[in-house]
Amino acid sequence: MKKLTTILFISIFFSTASIAAQVVDTWECTDAYKTKVLVKATIFKGRQFGEIDVADKTYMSQYTVEGFNRRWDFDQRDDGRYKYSLVIKPNGDGLYYEFPEERAKVSASMVLDCSN
């Protein structure tokens, strides 16, 4: 059922070109030395979906606001859980998370400097 829902979401999303074209916010995240942009995170009109661009690959993402934090979840598994998340705090700290197959407590594996 989750796989069917995901396929339906993707087909609706890509068939509605006007949604994909309407970016309302963009964040760029760099390394600690601010020498290179590692991640670009966008938010689409409606503020429920976005994109994550990293290492010349683009992932569609679910976008949410949790308290003051912005969050992009991306690369969904068959069970409906996501493999990765990027959380940007109000001070610009970007926290990157990788979630293993087994459910376990996870800490940020990378801290980035993000701005929009």
PDB file of N, CA and C in Angstrom:
ATOM      1  N   MET A   1       0.823  -1.196   0.000  1.00  0.00           N
ATOM      2  CA  MET A   1       0.000   0.000   0.000  1.00  0.00           C
ATOM      3  C   MET A   1       0.866   1.258   0.000  1.00  0.00           C
ATOM      4  N   LYS A   2       1.936   1.260   0.805  1.00  0.00           N
ATOM      5  CA  LYS A   2       2.831   2.423   0.864  1.00  0.00           C
ATOM      6  C   LYS A   2       3.492   2.656  -0.492  1.00  0.00           C
ATOM      7  N   LYS A   3       3.862   1.559  -1.151  1.00  0.00           N
ATOM      8  CA  LYS A   3       4.516   1.680  -2.457  1.00  0.00           C
ATOM      9  C   LYS A   3       3.541   2.278  -3.469  1.00  0.00           C
ATOM     10  N   LEU A   4       2.294   1.842  -3.434  1.00  0.00           N
ATOM     11  CA  LEU A   4       1.273   2.372  -4.328  1.00  0.00           C
ATOM     12  C   LEU A   4       1.049   3.854  -4.073  1.00  0.00           C
ATOM     13  N   THR A   5       1.010   4.249  -2.797  1.00  0.00           N
ATOM     14  CA  THR A   5       0.840   5.656  -2.439  1.00  0.00           C
ATOM     15  C   THR A   5       2.007   6.489  -2.951  1.00  0.00           C
ATOM     16  N   THR A   6       3.211   5.960  -2.813  1.00  0.00           N
ATOM     17  CA  THR A   6       4.396   6.677  -3.294  1.00  0.00           C
ATOM     18  C   THR A   6       4.362   6.827  -4.806  1.00  0.00           C
ATOM     19  N   ILE A   7       4.008   5.763  -5.519  1.00  0.00           N
ATOM     20  CA  ILE A   7       3.927   5.822  -6.980  1.00  0.00           C
ATOM     21  C   ILE A   7       2.868   6.827  -7.401  1.00  0.00           C
ATOM     22  N   LEU A   8       1.733   6.829  -6.731  1.00  0.00           N
ATOM     23  CA  LEU A   8       0.671   7.785  -7.038  1.00  0.00           C
ATOM     24  C   LEU A   8       1.145   9.209  -6.800  1.00  0.00           C
ATOM     25  N   PHE A   9       1.810   9.446  -5.678  1.00  0.00           N
ATOM     26  CA  PHE A   9       2.337  10.776  -5.377  1.00  0.00           C
ATOM     27  C   PHE A   9       3.297  11.242  -6.464  1.00  0.00           C
ATOM     28  N   ILE A  10       4.231  10.378  -6.852  1.00  0.00           N
ATOM     29  CA  ILE A  10       5.225  10.754  -7.861  1.00  0.00           C
ATOM     30  C   ILE A  10       4.559  11.058  -9.197  1.00  0.00           C
ATOM     31  N   SER A  11       3.590  10.255  -9.594  1.00  0.00           N
ATOM     32  CA  SER A  11       2.929  10.499 -10.881  1.00  0.00           C
ATOM     33  C   SER A  11       2.135  11.797 -10.856  1.00  0.00           C
ATOM     34  N   ILE A  12       1.461  12.090  -9.759  1.00  0.00           N
ATOM     35  CA  ILE A  12       0.722  13.352  -9.644  1.00  0.00           C
ATOM     36  C   ILE A  12       1.698  14.516  -9.633  1.00  0.00           C
ATOM     37  N   PHE A  13       2.771  14.362  -8.881  1.00  0.00           N
ATOM     38  CA  PHE A  13       3.736  15.449  -8.760  1.00  0.00           C
ATOM     39  C   PHE A  13       4.353  15.805 -10.098  1.00  0.00           C
ATOM     40  N   PHE A  14       4.806  14.805 -10.854  1.00  0.00           N
ATOM     41  CA  PHE A  14       5.467  15.090 -12.115  1.00  0.00           C
ATOM     42  C   PHE A  14       4.483  15.444 -13.234  1.00  0.00           C
ATOM     43  N   SER A  15       3.227  15.068 -13.095  1.00  0.00           N
ATOM     44  CA  SER A  15       2.254  15.451 -14.113  1.00  0.00           C
ATOM     45  C   SER A  15       1.776  16.885 -13.906  1.00  0.00           C
ATOM     46  N   THR A  16       2.049  17.454 -12.758  1.00  0.00           N
ATOM     47  CA  THR A  16       1.672  18.833 -12.462  1.00  0.00           C
ATOM     48  C   THR A  16       2.911  19.704 -12.533  1.00  0.00           C
ATOM     49  N   ALA A  17       3.285  20.083 -13.735  1.00  0.00           N
ATOM     50  CA  ALA A  17       4.530  20.819 -13.950  1.00  0.00           C
ATOM     51  C   ALA A  17       4.535  22.161 -13.226  1.00  0.00           C
ATOM     52  N   SER A  18       3.360  22.779 -13.049  1.00  0.00           N
ATOM     53  CA  SER A  18       3.326  24.096 -12.413  1.00  0.00           C
ATOM     54  C   SER A  18       3.785  24.033 -10.959  1.00  0.00           C
ATOM     55  N   ILE A  19       3.554  22.914 -10.269  1.00  0.00           N
ATOM     56  CA  ILE A  19       4.007  22.774  -8.885  1.00  0.00           C
ATOM     57  C   ILE A  19       5.525  22.708  -8.849  1.00  0.00           C
ATOM     58  N   ALA A  20       6.093  21.871  -9.707  1.00  0.00           N
ATOM     59  CA  ALA A  20       7.544  21.693  -9.703  1.00  0.00           C
ATOM     60  C   ALA A  20       8.268  22.975 -10.073  1.00  0.00           C
ATOM     61  N   ALA A  21       7.647  23.810 -10.868  1.00  0.00           N
ATOM     62  CA  ALA A  21       8.303  25.029 -11.328  1.00  0.00           C
ATOM     63  C   ALA A  21       8.230  26.149 -10.294  1.00  0.00           C
ATOM     64  N   GLN A  22       7.393  26.036  -9.291  1.00  0.00           N
ATOM     65  CA  GLN A  22       7.183  27.125  -8.350  1.00  0.00           C
ATOM     66  C   GLN A  22       7.963  26.901  -7.053  1.00  0.00           C
ATOM     67  N   VAL A  23       9.233  27.232  -7.103  1.00  0.00           N
ATOM     68  CA  VAL A  23      10.092  27.159  -5.923  1.00  0.00           C
ATOM     69  C   VAL A  23       9.850  28.407  -5.088  1.00  0.00           C
ATOM     70  N   VAL A  24       9.578  28.228  -3.789  1.00  0.00           N
ATOM     71  CA  VAL A  24       9.307  29.376  -2.922  1.00  0.00           C
ATOM     72  C   VAL A  24      10.461  29.698  -1.979  1.00  0.00           C
ATOM     73  N   ASP A  25      11.395  28.765  -1.824  1.00  0.00           N
ATOM     74  CA  ASP A  25      12.532  29.018  -0.948  1.00  0.00           C
ATOM     75  C   ASP A  25      13.654  28.056  -1.319  1.00  0.00           C
ATOM     76  N   THR A  26      14.883  28.535  -1.205  1.00  0.00           N
ATOM     77  CA  THR A  26      16.055  27.716  -1.502  1.00  0.00           C
ATOM     78  C   THR A  26      17.112  27.932  -0.424  1.00  0.00           C
ATOM     79  N   TRP A  27      17.707  26.857   0.023  1.00  0.00           N
ATOM     80  CA  TRP A  27      18.787  26.889   1.010  1.00  0.00           C
ATOM     81  C   TRP A  27      20.018  26.236   0.408  1.00  0.00           C
ATOM     82  N   GLU A  28      21.188  26.820   0.666  1.00  0.00           N
ATOM     83  CA  GLU A  28      22.452  26.224   0.260  1.00  0.00           C
ATOM     84  C   GLU A  28      23.269  25.927   1.511  1.00  0.00           C
ATOM     85  N   CYS A  29      23.804  24.718   1.554  1.00  0.00           N
ATOM     86  CA  CYS A  29      24.569  24.285   2.721  1.00  0.00           C
ATOM     87  C   CYS A  29      26.009  24.004   2.294  1.00  0.00           C
ATOM     88  N   THR A  30      26.937  24.546   3.074  1.00  0.00           N
ATOM     89  CA  THR A  30      28.358  24.419   2.768  1.00  0.00           C
ATOM     90  C   THR A  30      29.074  23.649   3.865  1.00  0.00           C
ATOM     91  N   ASP A  31      30.328  23.348   3.589  1.00  0.00           N
ATOM     92  CA  ASP A  31      31.167  22.755   4.617  1.00  0.00           C
ATOM     93  C   ASP A  31      31.496  23.818   5.664  1.00  0.00           C
ATOM     94  N   ALA A  32      32.196  23.436   6.698  1.00  0.00           N
ATOM     95  CA  ALA A  32      32.507  24.358   7.800  1.00  0.00           C
ATOM     96  C   ALA A  32      33.339  25.556   7.346  1.00  0.00           C
ATOM     97  N   TYR A  33      34.101  25.391   6.277  1.00  0.00           N
ATOM     98  CA  TYR A  33      34.962  26.476   5.786  1.00  0.00           C
ATOM     99  C   TYR A  33      34.266  27.365   4.762  1.00  0.00           C
ATOM    100  N   LYS A  34      33.019  27.041   4.440  1.00  0.00           N
ATOM    101  CA  LYS A  34      32.193  27.793   3.479  1.00  0.00           C
ATOM    102  C   LYS A  34      32.869  27.912   2.113  1.00  0.00           C
ATOM    103  N   THR A  35      33.613  26.892   1.740  1.00  0.00           N
ATOM    104  CA  THR A  35      34.338  26.932   0.479  1.00  0.00           C
ATOM    105  C   THR A  35      33.571  26.285  -0.670  1.00  0.00           C
ATOM    106  N   LYS A  36      32.625  25.419  -0.351  1.00  0.00           N
ATOM    107  CA  LYS A  36      31.951  24.657  -1.396  1.00  0.00           C
ATOM    108  C   LYS A  36      30.514  24.340  -0.970  1.00  0.00           C
ATOM    109  N   VAL A  37      29.553  24.545  -1.877  1.00  0.00           N
ATOM    110  CA  VAL A  37      28.166  24.167  -1.611  1.00  0.00           C
ATOM    111  C   VAL A  37      28.051  22.654  -1.775  1.00  0.00           C
ATOM    112  N   LEU A  38      27.648  21.976  -0.709  1.00  0.00           N
ATOM    113  CA  LEU A  38      27.507  20.525  -0.734  1.00  0.00           C
ATOM    114  C   LEU A  38      26.078  20.091  -1.012  1.00  0.00           C
ATOM    115  N   VAL A  39      25.119  20.883  -0.517  1.00  0.00           N
ATOM    116  CA  VAL A  39      23.705  20.529  -0.624  1.00  0.00           C
ATOM    117  C   VAL A  39      22.896  21.769  -0.971  1.00  0.00           C
ATOM    118  N   LYS A  40      21.940  21.601  -1.864  1.00  0.00           N
ATOM    119  CA  LYS A  40      20.969  22.654  -2.158  1.00  0.00           C
ATOM    120  C   LYS A  40      19.586  22.065  -1.869  1.00  0.00           C
ATOM    121  N   ALA A  41      18.845  22.726  -1.003  1.00  0.00           N
ATOM    122  CA  ALA A  41      17.513  22.263  -0.608  1.00  0.00           C
ATOM    123  C   ALA A  41      16.480  23.297  -1.042  1.00  0.00           C
ATOM    124  N   THR A  42      15.459  22.854  -1.763  1.00  0.00           N
ATOM    125  CA  THR A  42      14.409  23.767  -2.208  1.00  0.00           C
ATOM    126  C   THR A  42      13.068  23.365  -1.615  1.00  0.00           C
ATOM    127  N   ILE A  43      12.183  24.345  -1.558  1.00  0.00           N
ATOM    128  CA  ILE A  43      10.822  24.140  -1.076  1.00  0.00           C
ATOM    129  C   ILE A  43       9.888  24.593  -2.189  1.00  0.00           C
ATOM    130  N   PHE A  44       8.893  23.770  -2.505  1.00  0.00           N
ATOM    131  CA  PHE A  44       7.929  24.104  -3.550  1.00  0.00           C
ATOM    132  C   PHE A  44       6.688  24.785  -2.962  1.00  0.00           C
ATOM    133  N   LYS A  45       5.989  25.496  -3.822  1.00  0.00           N
ATOM    134  CA  LYS A  45       4.735  26.144  -3.426  1.00  0.00           C
ATOM    135  C   LYS A  45       3.836  25.100  -2.768  1.00  0.00           C
ATOM    136  N   GLY A  46       3.183  25.478  -1.700  1.00  0.00           N
ATOM    137  CA  GLY A  46       2.372  24.556  -0.920  1.00  0.00           C
ATOM    138  C   GLY A  46       3.112  24.068   0.313  1.00  0.00           C
ATOM    139  N   ARG A  47       4.442  24.161   0.259  1.00  0.00           N
ATOM    140  CA  ARG A  47       5.331  23.858   1.384  1.00  0.00           C
ATOM    141  C   ARG A  47       5.143  22.461   1.970  1.00  0.00           C
ATOM    142  N   GLN A  48       4.855  21.473   1.095  1.00  0.00           N
ATOM    143  CA  GLN A  48       4.782  20.083   1.538  1.00  0.00           C
ATOM    144  C   GLN A  48       5.856  19.225   0.886  1.00  0.00           C
ATOM    145  N   PHE A  49       6.422  19.720  -0.229  1.00  0.00           N
ATOM    146  CA  PHE A  49       7.407  18.959  -0.982  1.00  0.00           C
ATOM    147  C   PHE A  49       8.565  19.854  -1.385  1.00  0.00           C
ATOM    148  N   GLY A  50       9.665  19.216  -1.700  1.00  0.00           N
ATOM    149  CA  GLY A  50      10.834  19.950  -2.148  1.00  0.00           C
ATOM    150  C   GLY A  50      11.804  19.029  -2.843  1.00  0.00           C
ATOM    151  N   GLU A  51      13.034  19.516  -2.986  1.00  0.00           N
ATOM    152  CA  GLU A  51      14.100  18.737  -3.595  1.00  0.00           C
ATOM    153  C   GLU A  51      15.370  18.906  -2.780  1.00  0.00           C
ATOM    154  N   ILE A  52      16.185  17.882  -2.832  1.00  0.00           N
ATOM    155  CA  ILE A  52      17.531  17.921  -2.280  1.00  0.00           C
ATOM    156  C   ILE A  52      18.473  17.619  -3.431  1.00  0.00           C
ATOM    157  N   ASP A  53      19.403  18.531  -3.696  1.00  0.00           N
ATOM    158  CA  ASP A  53      20.435  18.324  -4.711  1.00  0.00           C
ATOM    159  C   ASP A  53      21.752  18.099  -3.988  1.00  0.00           C
ATOM    160  N   VAL A  54      22.347  16.930  -4.199  1.00  0.00           N
ATOM    161  CA  VAL A  54      23.623  16.597  -3.565  1.00  0.00           C
ATOM    162  C   VAL A  54      24.407  15.673  -4.496  1.00  0.00           C
ATOM    163  N   ALA A  55      25.681  15.968  -4.673  1.00  0.00           N
ATOM    164  CA  ALA A  55      26.583  15.133  -5.481  1.00  0.00           C
ATOM    165  C   ALA A  55      26.009  14.866  -6.874  1.00  0.00           C
ATOM    166  N   ASP A  56      25.513  15.917  -7.520  1.00  0.00           N
ATOM    167  CA  ASP A  56      24.947  15.815  -8.876  1.00  0.00           C
ATOM    168  C   ASP A  56      23.750  14.877  -8.978  1.00  0.00           C
ATOM    169  N   LYS A  57      23.053  14.671  -7.880  1.00  0.00           N
ATOM    170  CA  LYS A  57      21.838  13.861  -7.876  1.00  0.00           C
ATOM    171  C   LYS A  57      20.731  14.663  -7.208  1.00  0.00           C
ATOM    172  N   THR A  58      19.523  14.566  -7.749  1.00  0.00           N
ATOM    173  CA  THR A  58      18.375  15.279  -7.193  1.00  0.00           C
ATOM    174  C   THR A  58      17.381  14.277  -6.633  1.00  0.00           C
ATOM    175  N   TYR A  59      16.981  14.497  -5.384  1.00  0.00           N
ATOM    176  CA  TYR A  59      15.991  13.654  -4.712  1.00  0.00           C
ATOM    177  C   TYR A  59      14.732  14.471  -4.473  1.00  0.00           C
ATOM    178  N   MET A  60      13.577  13.907  -4.773  1.00  0.00           N
ATOM    179  CA  MET A  60      12.319  14.509  -4.359  1.00  0.00           C
ATOM    180  C   MET A  60      12.214  14.294  -2.846  1.00  0.00           C
ATOM    181  N   SER A  61      11.632  15.250  -2.147  1.00  0.00           N
ATOM    182  CA  SER A  61      11.581  15.125  -0.690  1.00  0.00           C
ATOM    183  C   SER A  61      10.230  15.564  -0.149  1.00  0.00           C
ATOM    184  N   GLN A  62       9.948  15.066   1.043  1.00  0.00           N
ATOM    185  CA  GLN A  62       8.802  15.547   1.812  1.00  0.00           C
ATOM    186  C   GLN A  62       9.346  16.661   2.689  1.00  0.00           C
ATOM    187  N   TYR A  63       8.694  17.807   2.678  1.00  0.00           N
ATOM    188  CA  TYR A  63       9.153  18.957   3.454  1.00  0.00           C
ATOM    189  C   TYR A  63       8.172  19.230   4.589  1.00  0.00           C
ATOM    190  N   THR A  64       8.710  19.461   5.773  1.00  0.00           N
ATOM    191  CA  THR A  64       7.877  19.823   6.924  1.00  0.00           C
ATOM    192  C   THR A  64       8.594  20.881   7.757  1.00  0.00           C
ATOM    193  N   VAL A  65       7.824  21.553   8.584  1.00  0.00           N
ATOM    194  CA  VAL A  65       8.382  22.449   9.594  1.00  0.00           C
ATOM    195  C   VAL A  65       8.023  21.826  10.934  1.00  0.00           C
ATOM    196  N   GLU A  66       9.051  21.589  11.753  1.00  0.00           N
ATOM    197  CA  GLU A  66       8.859  20.997  13.073  1.00  0.00           C
ATOM    198  C   GLU A  66       9.353  21.996  14.108  1.00  0.00           C
ATOM    199  N   GLY A  67       8.425  22.680  14.756  1.00  0.00           N
ATOM    200  CA  GLY A  67       8.810  23.778  15.647  1.00  0.00           C
ATOM    201  C   GLY A  67       9.396  24.883  14.789  1.00  0.00           C
ATOM    202  N   PHE A  68      10.633  25.262  15.051  1.00  0.00           N
ATOM    203  CA  PHE A  68      11.315  26.269  14.235  1.00  0.00           C
ATOM    204  C   PHE A  68      12.189  25.639  13.155  1.00  0.00           C
ATOM    205  N   ASN A  69      12.329  24.329  13.171  1.00  0.00           N
ATOM    206  CA  ASN A  69      13.235  23.634  12.249  1.00  0.00           C
ATOM    207  C   ASN A  69      12.554  23.288  10.932  1.00  0.00           C
ATOM    208  N   ARG A  70      13.319  23.419   9.848  1.00  0.00           N
ATOM    209  CA  ARG A  70      12.870  22.977   8.526  1.00  0.00           C
ATOM    210  C   ARG A  70      13.441  21.586   8.294  1.00  0.00           C
ATOM    211  N   ARG A  71      12.646  20.695   7.665  1.00  0.00           N
ATOM    212  CA  ARG A  71      13.094  19.310   7.497  1.00  0.00           C
ATOM    213  C   ARG A  71      12.706  18.767   6.126  1.00  0.00           C
ATOM    214  N   TRP A  72      13.695  18.159   5.468  1.00  0.00           N
ATOM    215  CA  TRP A  72      13.498  17.469   4.204  1.00  0.00           C
ATOM    216  C   TRP A  72      13.806  15.991   4.426  1.00  0.00           C
ATOM    217  N   ASP A  73      12.833  15.110   4.174  1.00  0.00           N
ATOM    218  CA  ASP A  73      13.039  13.657   4.241  1.00  0.00           C
ATOM    219  C   ASP A  73      13.070  13.148   2.808  1.00  0.00           C
ATOM    220  N   PHE A  74      14.066  12.293   2.490  1.00  0.00           N
ATOM    221  CA  PHE A  74      14.178  11.860   1.101  1.00  0.00           C
ATOM    222  C   PHE A  74      14.708  10.440   0.966  1.00  0.00           C
ATOM    223  N   ASP A  75      14.521   9.893  -0.235  1.00  0.00           N
ATOM    224  CA  ASP A  75      14.871   8.525  -0.623  1.00  0.00           C
ATOM    225  C   ASP A  75      14.079   7.524   0.221  1.00  0.00           C
ATOM    226  N   GLN A  76      12.815   7.378  -0.133  1.00  0.00           N
ATOM    227  CA  GLN A  76      11.889   6.547   0.630  1.00  0.00           C
ATOM    228  C   GLN A  76      12.104   5.059   0.354  1.00  0.00           C
ATOM    229  N   ARG A  77      12.055   4.275   1.422  1.00  0.00           N
ATOM    230  CA  ARG A  77      12.148   2.816   1.324  1.00  0.00           C
ATOM    231  C   ARG A  77      10.768   2.227   1.009  1.00  0.00           C
ATOM    232  N   ASP A  78      10.753   0.931   0.713  1.00  0.00           N
ATOM    233  CA  ASP A  78       9.493   0.237   0.439  1.00  0.00           C
ATOM    234  C   ASP A  78       8.552   0.240   1.636  1.00  0.00           C
ATOM    235  N   ASP A  79       9.112   0.303   2.852  1.00  0.00           N
ATOM    236  CA  ASP A  79       8.271   0.285   4.055  1.00  0.00           C
ATOM    237  C   ASP A  79       7.728   1.672   4.413  1.00  0.00           C
ATOM    238  N   GLY A  80       8.024   2.686   3.580  1.00  0.00           N
ATOM    239  CA  GLY A  80       7.510   4.030   3.814  1.00  0.00           C
ATOM    240  C   GLY A  80       8.441   4.936   4.593  1.00  0.00           C
ATOM    241  N   ARG A  81       9.466   4.354   5.227  1.00  0.00           N
ATOM    242  CA  ARG A  81      10.435   5.170   5.964  1.00  0.00           C
ATOM    243  C   ARG A  81      11.436   5.773   4.989  1.00  0.00           C
ATOM    244  N   TYR A  82      12.043   6.865   5.409  1.00  0.00           N
ATOM    245  CA  TYR A  82      13.041   7.531   4.577  1.00  0.00           C
ATOM    246  C   TYR A  82      14.441   7.119   4.991  1.00  0.00           C
ATOM    247  N   LYS A  83      15.371   7.113   4.027  1.00  0.00           N
ATOM    248  CA  LYS A  83      16.759   6.768   4.301  1.00  0.00           C
ATOM    249  C   LYS A  83      17.541   7.948   4.875  1.00  0.00           C
ATOM    250  N   TYR A  84      17.156   9.183   4.471  1.00  0.00           N
ATOM    251  CA  TYR A  84      17.941  10.356   4.819  1.00  0.00           C
ATOM    252  C   TYR A  84      17.046  11.533   5.207  1.00  0.00           C
ATOM    253  N   SER A  85      17.614  12.439   6.011  1.00  0.00           N
ATOM    254  CA  SER A  85      16.935  13.688   6.365  1.00  0.00           C
ATOM    255  C   SER A  85      17.955  14.810   6.466  1.00  0.00           C
ATOM    256  N   LEU A  86      17.508  15.992   6.093  1.00  0.00           N
ATOM    257  CA  LEU A  86      18.268  17.210   6.326  1.00  0.00           C
ATOM    258  C   LEU A  86      17.389  18.115   7.165  1.00  0.00           C
ATOM    259  N   VAL A  87      17.898  18.535   8.307  1.00  0.00           N
ATOM    260  CA  VAL A  87      17.163  19.434   9.201  1.00  0.00           C
ATOM    261  C   VAL A  87      17.972  20.723   9.293  1.00  0.00           C
ATOM    262  N   ILE A  88      17.312  21.853   9.024  1.00  0.00           N
ATOM    263  CA  ILE A  88      17.982  23.146   9.153  1.00  0.00           C
ATOM    264  C   ILE A  88      17.353  23.903  10.307  1.00  0.00           C
ATOM    265  N   LYS A  89      18.197  24.256  11.280  1.00  0.00           N
ATOM    266  CA  LYS A  89      17.762  25.009  12.452  1.00  0.00           C
ATOM    267  C   LYS A  89      17.697  26.502  12.113  1.00  0.00           C
ATOM    268  N   PRO A  90      17.005  27.291  12.921  1.00  0.00           N
ATOM    269  CA  PRO A  90      16.894  28.732  12.653  1.00  0.00           C
ATOM    270  C   PRO A  90      18.243  29.460  12.580  1.00  0.00           C
ATOM    271  N   ASN A  91      19.260  28.963  13.259  1.00  0.00           N
ATOM    272  CA  ASN A  91      20.575  29.611  13.227  1.00  0.00           C
ATOM    273  C   ASN A  91      21.402  29.222  11.999  1.00  0.00           C
ATOM    274  N   GLY A  92      20.851  28.373  11.121  1.00  0.00           N
ATOM    275  CA  GLY A  92      21.545  27.968   9.899  1.00  0.00           C
ATOM    276  C   GLY A  92      22.318  26.666  10.004  1.00  0.00           C
ATOM    277  N   ASP A  93      22.323  26.044  11.170  1.00  0.00           N
ATOM    278  CA  ASP A  93      22.972  24.743  11.291  1.00  0.00           C
ATOM    279  C   ASP A  93      22.150  23.707  10.529  1.00  0.00           C
ATOM    280  N   GLY A  94      22.794  23.011   9.608  1.00  0.00           N
ATOM    281  CA  GLY A  94      22.145  21.936   8.862  1.00  0.00           C
ATOM    282  C   GLY A  94      22.618  20.602   9.401  1.00  0.00           C
ATOM    283  N   LEU A  95      21.688  19.769   9.802  1.00  0.00           N
ATOM    284  CA  LEU A  95      22.015  18.458  10.363  1.00  0.00           C
ATOM    285  C   LEU A  95      21.576  17.382   9.382  1.00  0.00           C
ATOM    286  N   TYR A  96      22.535  16.566   8.938  1.00  0.00           N
ATOM    287  CA  TYR A  96      22.261  15.491   7.990  1.00  0.00           C
ATOM    288  C   TYR A  96      22.190  14.167   8.740  1.00  0.00           C
ATOM    289  N   TYR A  97      21.119  13.411   8.492  1.00  0.00           N
ATOM    290  CA  TYR A  97      20.909  12.129   9.155  1.00  0.00           C
ATOM    291  C   TYR A  97      20.800  11.014   8.128  1.00  0.00           C
ATOM    292  N   GLU A  98      21.382   9.861   8.467  1.00  0.00           N
ATOM    293  CA  GLU A  98      21.225   8.631   7.695  1.00  0.00           C
ATOM    294  C   GLU A  98      20.556   7.618   8.609  1.00  0.00           C
ATOM    295  N   PHE A  99      19.469   7.005   8.118  1.00  0.00           N
ATOM    296  CA  PHE A  99      18.729   6.050   8.932  1.00  0.00           C
ATOM    297  C   PHE A  99      19.004   4.629   8.445  1.00  0.00           C
ATOM    298  N   PRO A 100      19.538   3.769   9.315  1.00  0.00           N
ATOM    299  CA  PRO A 100      19.823   2.387   8.914  1.00  0.00           C
ATOM    300  C   PRO A 100      18.532   1.596   8.723  1.00  0.00           C
ATOM    301  N   GLU A 101      18.657   0.446   8.102  1.00  0.00           N
ATOM    302  CA  GLU A 101      17.495  -0.435   7.884  1.00  0.00           C
ATOM    303  C   GLU A 101      16.789  -0.760   9.196  1.00  0.00           C
ATOM    304  N   GLU A 102      17.563  -1.135  10.204  1.00  0.00           N
ATOM    305  CA  GLU A 102      16.962  -1.445  11.501  1.00  0.00           C
ATOM    306  C   GLU A 102      16.690  -0.129  12.235  1.00  0.00           C
ATOM    307  N   ARG A 103      15.651  -0.129  12.999  1.00  0.00           N
ATOM    308  CA  ARG A 103      15.305   1.078  13.748  1.00  0.00           C
ATOM    309  C   ARG A 103      16.273   1.231  14.911  1.00  0.00           C
ATOM    310  N   ALA A 104      16.959   2.344  14.902  1.00  0.00           N
ATOM    311  CA  ALA A 104      17.935   2.612  15.954  1.00  0.00           C
ATOM    312  C   ALA A 104      17.988   4.110  16.177  1.00  0.00           C
ATOM    313  N   LYS A 105      18.417   4.504  17.352  1.00  0.00           N
ATOM    314  CA  LYS A 105      18.591   5.925  17.635  1.00  0.00           C
ATOM    315  C   LYS A 105      19.750   6.443  16.785  1.00  0.00           C
ATOM    316  N   VAL A 106      19.543   7.582  16.149  1.00  0.00           N
ATOM    317  CA  VAL A 106      20.513   8.100  15.199  1.00  0.00           C
ATOM    318  C   VAL A 106      20.928   9.504  15.584  1.00  0.00           C
ATOM    319  N   SER A 107      22.203   9.795  15.437  1.00  0.00           N
ATOM    320  CA  SER A 107      22.732  11.160  15.610  1.00  0.00           C
ATOM    321  C   SER A 107      23.094  11.710  14.242  1.00  0.00           C
ATOM    322  N   ALA A 108      23.152  13.015  14.143  1.00  0.00           N
ATOM    323  CA  ALA A 108      23.537  13.642  12.880  1.00  0.00           C
ATOM    324  C   ALA A 108      24.930  13.159  12.486  1.00  0.00           C
ATOM    325  N   SER A 109      25.078  12.749  11.225  1.00  0.00           N
ATOM    326  CA  SER A 109      26.381  12.277  10.764  1.00  0.00           C
ATOM    327  C   SER A 109      27.204  13.406  10.153  1.00  0.00           C
ATOM    328  N   MET A 110      26.568  14.572   9.943  1.00  0.00           N
ATOM    329  CA  MET A 110      27.289  15.718   9.388  1.00  0.00           C
ATOM    330  C   MET A 110      26.573  16.990   9.796  1.00  0.00           C
ATOM    331  N   VAL A 111      27.339  18.036  10.099  1.00  0.00           N
ATOM    332  CA  VAL A 111      26.780  19.350  10.402  1.00  0.00           C
ATOM    333  C   VAL A 111      27.260  20.298   9.304  1.00  0.00           C
ATOM    334  N   LEU A 112      26.326  21.020   8.710  1.00  0.00           N
ATOM    335  CA  LEU A 112      26.608  21.927   7.610  1.00  0.00           C
ATOM    336  C   LEU A 112      26.247  23.354   8.004  1.00  0.00           C
ATOM    337  N   ASP A 113      26.748  24.318   7.260  1.00  0.00           N
ATOM    338  CA  ASP A 113      26.392  25.719   7.455  1.00  0.00           C
ATOM    339  C   ASP A 113      25.456  26.105   6.328  1.00  0.00           C
ATOM    340  N   CYS A 114      24.200  26.412   6.643  1.00  0.00           N
ATOM    341  CA  CYS A 114      23.181  26.653   5.624  1.00  0.00           C
ATOM    342  C   CYS A 114      22.655  28.080   5.662  1.00  0.00           C
ATOM    343  N   SER A 115      22.324  28.605   4.478  1.00  0.00           N
ATOM    344  CA  SER A 115      21.745  29.941   4.380  1.00  0.00           C
ATOM    345  C   SER A 115      20.810  29.981   3.172  1.00  0.00           C
ATOM    346  N   ASN A 116      19.909  30.962   3.197  1.00  0.00           N
ATOM    347  CA  ASN A 116      19.004  31.115   2.045  1.00  0.00           C
ATOM    348  C   ASN A 116      19.040  32.520   1.526  1.00  0.00           C
TER     349      ASN A 116
END
